[in-house]
């Protein structure tokens, strides 16, 4: 059994570029909202967005971590706390925003493991946090979404190839990808896509014991086409691409080193 939390961080965030460094970017002067933006791939997307000239609004559960991330990002960043499992909290988070151009939703906290070992609450936690958390985040953001804007949801490569005995988690990731397709139809012309990473050498795995991390990474490398572990920055590349590509919706990208292919 393992626990995943994509909403917080234990390390100081790397600073963003002091000024926009990508000329003529479609993200320039747009508002990018990232739930789970204080760490991990959420913070990596925030850094990329600032480099493209966007304003970023970070959401998460822990105020001091969000504040540190926003300070590192500079004057284009702001933050407020939010619990994505609480609809009232989501409504309060989005209420002050006049417009959301792009939304990214990596915030989630859940447990994984075999069906016969998890209690019911733990087994349901991927759906409670990762599926319904993203579903209701989009619901409360929808009235503020720009017609030429986008949403990028987060699933995981276990959606198509479970890494171990964790059936509820695998099903949740598959459900998120189906949610992305359904929302793409309902919210058009707003674009909705999904990014589905594999194992990443970053914040989440960095908080696991070294022996657990290295064993998991060795198994993952063996299972991929490229034989390597991905990075949060590579996921951020995929997300920013989906923000900016005006003809892409209802799709899922797999920055997983070919894990899903194998």
Protein backbone atom coordinates (compact mmCIF):
# COMPACT_ATOMS: atom_id res chain seq x y z
CA UNK A 1 0.00 0.00 0.00
CA UNK A 2 1.27 3.48 -0.80
CA UNK A 3 0.13 7.04 -0.28
CA UNK A 4 0.29 9.78 -2.89
CA UNK A 5 -0.04 13.51 -2.28
CA UNK A 6 0.48 15.86 -5.22
CA UNK A 7 -0.55 19.01 -3.38
CA UNK A 8 2.35 19.89 -1.06
CA UNK A 9 6.12 20.02 -0.97
CA UNK A 10 8.94 19.63 1.53
CA UNK A 11 11.64 21.39 -0.49
CA UNK A 12 12.15 25.04 -1.37
CA UNK A 13 10.79 25.83 -4.83
CA UNK A 14 13.23 26.80 -7.56
CA UNK A 15 12.81 30.43 -8.64
CA UNK A 16 11.08 31.33 -11.87
CA UNK A 17 12.72 33.50 -14.54
CA UNK A 18 12.72 37.18 -13.59
CA UNK A 19 10.97 38.16 -16.82
CA UNK A 20 9.05 36.49 -19.59
CA UNK A 21 11.57 34.63 -21.74
CA UNK A 22 9.33 33.16 -24.48
CA UNK A 23 8.49 35.82 -27.09
CA UNK A 24 5.05 35.90 -28.72
CA UNK A 25 3.72 33.14 -26.49
CA UNK A 26 -0.04 32.42 -26.55
CA UNK A 27 0.16 32.42 -22.73
CA UNK A 28 1.34 36.03 -22.50
CA UNK A 29 -0.88 38.05 -20.15
CA UNK A 30 -3.21 35.07 -19.65
CA UNK A 31 -4.33 33.78 -16.25
CA UNK A 32 -3.26 30.23 -15.45
CA UNK A 33 -4.80 28.59 -12.37
CA UNK A 34 -2.99 25.59 -10.88
CA UNK A 35 -4.55 23.56 -8.10
CA UNK A 36 -1.58 21.86 -6.50
CA UNK A 37 0.77 24.57 -7.72
CA UNK A 38 3.01 24.75 -4.68
CA UNK A 39 5.12 21.74 -5.59
CA UNK A 40 5.95 19.01 -8.07
CA UNK A 41 4.61 19.13 -11.59
CA UNK A 42 2.14 21.86 -10.60
CA UNK A 43 4.98 24.17 -9.65
CA UNK A 44 6.90 23.16 -12.78
CA UNK A 45 3.92 24.25 -14.87
CA UNK A 46 3.73 27.50 -12.89
CA UNK A 47 7.39 28.24 -13.66
CA UNK A 48 6.89 27.54 -17.36
CA UNK A 49 3.75 29.67 -17.45
CA UNK A 50 5.53 32.64 -15.87
CA UNK A 51 8.35 32.23 -18.38
CA UNK A 52 5.69 32.51 -21.11
CA UNK A 53 4.42 35.77 -19.62
CA UNK A 54 1.32 34.41 -17.88
CA UNK A 55 -0.10 35.35 -14.52
CA UNK A 56 -0.47 32.32 -12.24
CA UNK A 57 -2.86 31.67 -9.38
CA UNK A 58 -1.73 28.84 -7.12
CA UNK A 59 -4.12 26.78 -5.04
CA UNK A 60 -3.46 24.13 -2.41
CA UNK A 61 -4.04 23.20 1.19
CA UNK A 62 -0.92 24.55 2.92
CA UNK A 63 -0.55 28.31 3.11
CA UNK A 64 3.15 28.58 3.94
CA UNK A 65 4.14 26.31 1.05
CA UNK A 66 1.98 28.22 -1.41
CA UNK A 67 3.41 31.49 -0.14
CA UNK A 68 6.97 30.23 -0.67
CA UNK A 69 6.14 29.10 -4.20
CA UNK A 70 4.49 32.41 -5.08
CA UNK A 71 7.44 34.37 -3.70
CA UNK A 72 9.84 32.32 -5.82
CA UNK A 73 7.68 32.88 -8.91
CA UNK A 74 7.64 36.65 -8.45
CA UNK A 75 5.13 39.38 -9.08
CA UNK A 76 3.08 37.43 -11.62
CA UNK A 77 2.04 34.87 -8.98
CA UNK A 78 -0.67 34.91 -6.33
CA UNK A 79 -2.11 32.17 -4.15
CA UNK A 80 -4.95 31.11 -1.88
CA UNK A 81 -5.74 27.94 -0.02
CA UNK A 82 -8.29 25.44 -1.31
CA UNK A 83 -9.40 21.90 -0.52
CA UNK A 84 -10.39 20.21 -3.77
CA UNK A 85 -12.48 17.63 -1.90
CA UNK A 86 -14.71 20.41 -0.50
CA UNK A 87 -17.08 22.11 -2.97
CA UNK A 88 -17.58 25.12 -0.71
CA UNK A 89 -13.81 25.63 -0.64
CA UNK A 90 -13.62 25.37 -4.43
CA UNK A 91 -16.46 27.84 -4.87
CA UNK A 92 -14.72 30.32 -2.54
CA UNK A 93 -11.43 29.85 -4.38
CA UNK A 94 -12.82 30.66 -7.82
CA UNK A 95 -15.29 33.37 -6.75
CA UNK A 96 -12.82 36.32 -6.79
CA UNK A 97 -11.37 35.42 -10.20
CA UNK A 98 -12.74 37.41 -13.11
CA UNK A 99 -11.38 35.07 -15.77
CA UNK A 100 -9.55 31.75 -16.02
CA UNK A 101 -7.69 31.21 -19.28
CA UNK A 102 -6.10 27.87 -18.42
CA UNK A 103 -6.67 25.44 -15.55
CA UNK A 104 -4.33 22.64 -14.42
CA UNK A 105 -5.45 20.30 -11.64
CA UNK A 106 -2.71 18.05 -10.20
CA UNK A 107 -3.76 18.40 -6.54
CA UNK A 108 -4.69 15.02 -5.04
CA UNK A 109 -4.09 12.93 -1.95
CA UNK A 110 -4.98 9.23 -1.89
CA UNK A 111 -3.89 5.72 -0.99
CA UNK A 112 -3.23 2.83 -3.35
CA UNK A 113 -2.93 -0.90 -2.85
CA UNK A 114 -4.57 -4.29 -3.34
CA UNK A 115 -8.35 -4.56 -3.07
CA UNK A 116 -8.09 -7.21 -0.35
CA UNK A 117 -5.75 -5.10 1.81
CA UNK A 118 -7.28 -1.60 1.73
CA UNK A 119 -10.20 -0.57 3.89
CA UNK A 120 -13.12 1.00 2.08
CA UNK A 121 -12.15 4.62 2.78
CA UNK A 122 -8.61 4.07 1.50
CA UNK A 123 -9.86 2.20 -1.57
CA UNK A 124 -12.24 5.04 -2.42
CA UNK A 125 -9.65 7.78 -1.84
CA UNK A 126 -8.35 7.99 -5.45
CA UNK A 127 -11.89 8.68 -6.66
CA UNK A 128 -12.70 11.00 -3.74
CA UNK A 129 -9.64 13.17 -4.30
CA UNK A 130 -8.27 12.62 -7.80
CA UNK A 131 -11.48 12.04 -9.79
CA UNK A 132 -14.16 14.02 -7.95
CA UNK A 133 -11.63 16.66 -6.92
CA UNK A 134 -10.89 17.42 -10.57
CA UNK A 135 -14.54 17.06 -11.62
CA UNK A 136 -15.71 19.66 -9.11
CA UNK A 137 -12.73 21.92 -9.73
CA UNK A 138 -13.77 22.17 -13.37
CA UNK A 139 -17.43 22.60 -12.40
CA UNK A 140 -16.64 25.64 -10.24
CA UNK A 141 -14.13 27.06 -12.71
CA UNK A 142 -16.44 26.66 -15.73
CA UNK A 143 -18.29 30.00 -15.42
CA UNK A 144 -14.93 31.81 -15.44
CA UNK A 145 -13.27 29.88 -18.30
CA UNK A 146 -12.36 31.89 -21.38
CA UNK A 147 -13.94 30.56 -24.57
CA UNK A 148 -10.50 30.18 -26.11
CA UNK A 149 -9.05 28.74 -22.92
CA UNK A 150 -8.35 25.21 -21.77
CA UNK A 151 -8.34 22.69 -18.94
CA UNK A 152 -5.68 20.04 -18.42
CA UNK A 153 -6.59 17.19 -16.10
CA UNK A 154 -4.13 14.70 -14.60
CA UNK A 155 -4.43 10.92 -14.76
CA UNK A 156 -1.52 8.46 -14.81
CA UNK A 157 -0.14 5.71 -17.00
CA UNK A 158 -1.74 3.10 -14.73
CA UNK A 159 -4.92 3.98 -16.61
CA UNK A 160 -3.83 1.70 -19.45
CA UNK A 161 -1.21 -0.46 -17.74
CA UNK A 162 -1.47 -1.02 -13.96
CA UNK A 163 1.98 -1.06 -12.36
CA UNK A 164 0.90 -3.39 -9.56
CA UNK A 165 -2.08 -4.52 -7.52
CA UNK A 166 -4.02 -1.26 -7.16
CA UNK A 167 -7.29 -1.73 -9.07
CA UNK A 168 -9.17 1.30 -7.70
CA UNK A 169 -6.25 3.57 -8.56
CA UNK A 170 -5.98 2.16 -12.09
CA UNK A 171 -9.72 2.58 -12.57
CA UNK A 172 -9.61 6.15 -11.27
CA UNK A 173 -6.96 7.15 -13.80
CA UNK A 174 -8.96 5.59 -16.62
CA UNK A 175 -12.04 7.45 -15.39
CA UNK A 176 -10.17 10.79 -15.42
CA UNK A 177 -9.27 10.23 -19.07
CA UNK A 178 -12.92 9.49 -19.85
CA UNK A 179 -13.89 12.61 -17.91
CA UNK A 180 -11.56 14.66 -20.12
CA UNK A 181 -13.28 13.39 -23.26
CA UNK A 182 -16.74 14.03 -21.84
CA UNK A 183 -15.88 17.55 -20.70
CA UNK A 184 -14.31 18.34 -24.07
CA UNK A 185 -17.72 17.74 -25.65
CA UNK A 186 -19.72 19.60 -23.00
CA UNK A 187 -17.49 22.65 -22.57
CA UNK A 188 -16.51 23.29 -26.21
CA UNK A 189 -15.11 25.61 -27.47
CA UNK A 190 -13.15 25.47 -24.20
CA UNK A 191 -10.59 22.74 -24.78
CA UNK A 192 -10.17 19.90 -22.26
CA UNK A 193 -7.24 17.49 -22.38
CA UNK A 194 -5.47 15.10 -20.01
CA UNK A 195 -1.81 14.51 -19.20
CA UNK A 196 -0.97 10.99 -18.02
CA UNK A 197 2.57 10.77 -16.61
CA UNK A 198 4.49 7.70 -15.58
CA UNK A 199 6.96 7.56 -12.68
CA UNK A 200 8.76 10.88 -12.18
CA UNK A 201 12.04 11.75 -10.54
CA UNK A 202 10.62 14.61 -8.56
CA UNK A 203 8.85 15.76 -5.43
CA UNK A 204 6.48 12.83 -4.89
CA UNK A 205 9.01 10.00 -5.27
CA UNK A 206 11.64 12.14 -3.54
CA UNK A 207 9.72 11.87 -0.28
CA UNK A 208 9.82 8.07 -0.29
CA UNK A 209 12.63 6.07 1.35
CA UNK A 210 15.64 5.74 -0.94
CA UNK A 211 15.43 1.95 -1.13
CA UNK A 212 11.73 2.07 -2.04
CA UNK A 213 12.37 4.75 -4.66
CA UNK A 214 15.27 2.92 -6.30
CA UNK A 215 13.40 -0.39 -6.37
CA UNK A 216 10.37 1.27 -7.96
CA UNK A 217 12.50 3.19 -10.47
CA UNK A 218 14.41 0.05 -11.48
CA UNK A 219 11.15 -1.82 -12.16
CA UNK A 220 9.76 1.13 -14.09
CA UNK A 221 12.86 1.55 -16.27
CA UNK A 222 12.68 -2.11 -17.20
CA UNK A 223 9.02 -1.73 -18.20
CA UNK A 224 9.49 1.28 -20.50
CA UNK A 225 10.59 1.67 -24.10
CA UNK A 226 13.15 4.38 -23.30
CA UNK A 227 14.47 2.75 -20.13
CA UNK A 228 14.44 5.95 -18.08
CA UNK A 229 12.48 7.89 -15.49
CA UNK A 230 10.72 11.09 -16.50
CA UNK A 231 10.92 14.51 -14.89
CA UNK A 232 8.36 17.03 -13.73
CA UNK A 233 9.73 19.50 -16.26
CA UNK A 234 8.91 17.07 -19.07
CA UNK A 235 5.34 16.84 -17.83
CA UNK A 236 5.24 20.65 -17.67
CA UNK A 237 6.30 20.74 -21.34
CA UNK A 238 3.27 18.58 -22.19
CA UNK A 239 0.87 20.72 -20.16
CA UNK A 240 2.07 24.02 -21.64
CA UNK A 241 1.79 22.48 -25.11
CA UNK A 242 -1.83 21.56 -24.37
CA UNK A 243 -2.51 25.08 -23.07
CA UNK A 244 -1.27 26.60 -26.30
CA UNK A 245 -2.48 24.22 -29.03
CA UNK A 246 -5.83 25.63 -30.13
CA UNK A 247 -6.81 22.57 -32.17
CA UNK A 248 -6.33 19.88 -29.52
CA UNK A 249 -9.16 18.72 -27.26
CA UNK A 250 -10.41 15.45 -25.80
CA UNK A 251 -6.90 13.97 -26.00
CA UNK A 252 -4.55 12.34 -23.51
CA UNK A 253 -0.77 12.73 -23.67
CA UNK A 254 1.46 10.08 -22.06
CA UNK A 255 4.87 11.53 -21.05
CA UNK A 256 5.83 8.10 -19.67
CA UNK A 257 8.88 6.93 -21.61
CA UNK A 258 6.78 4.46 -23.54
CA UNK A 259 5.43 2.66 -20.47
CA UNK A 260 1.86 2.61 -21.79
CA UNK A 261 3.11 1.40 -25.17
CA UNK A 262 4.82 -1.62 -23.66
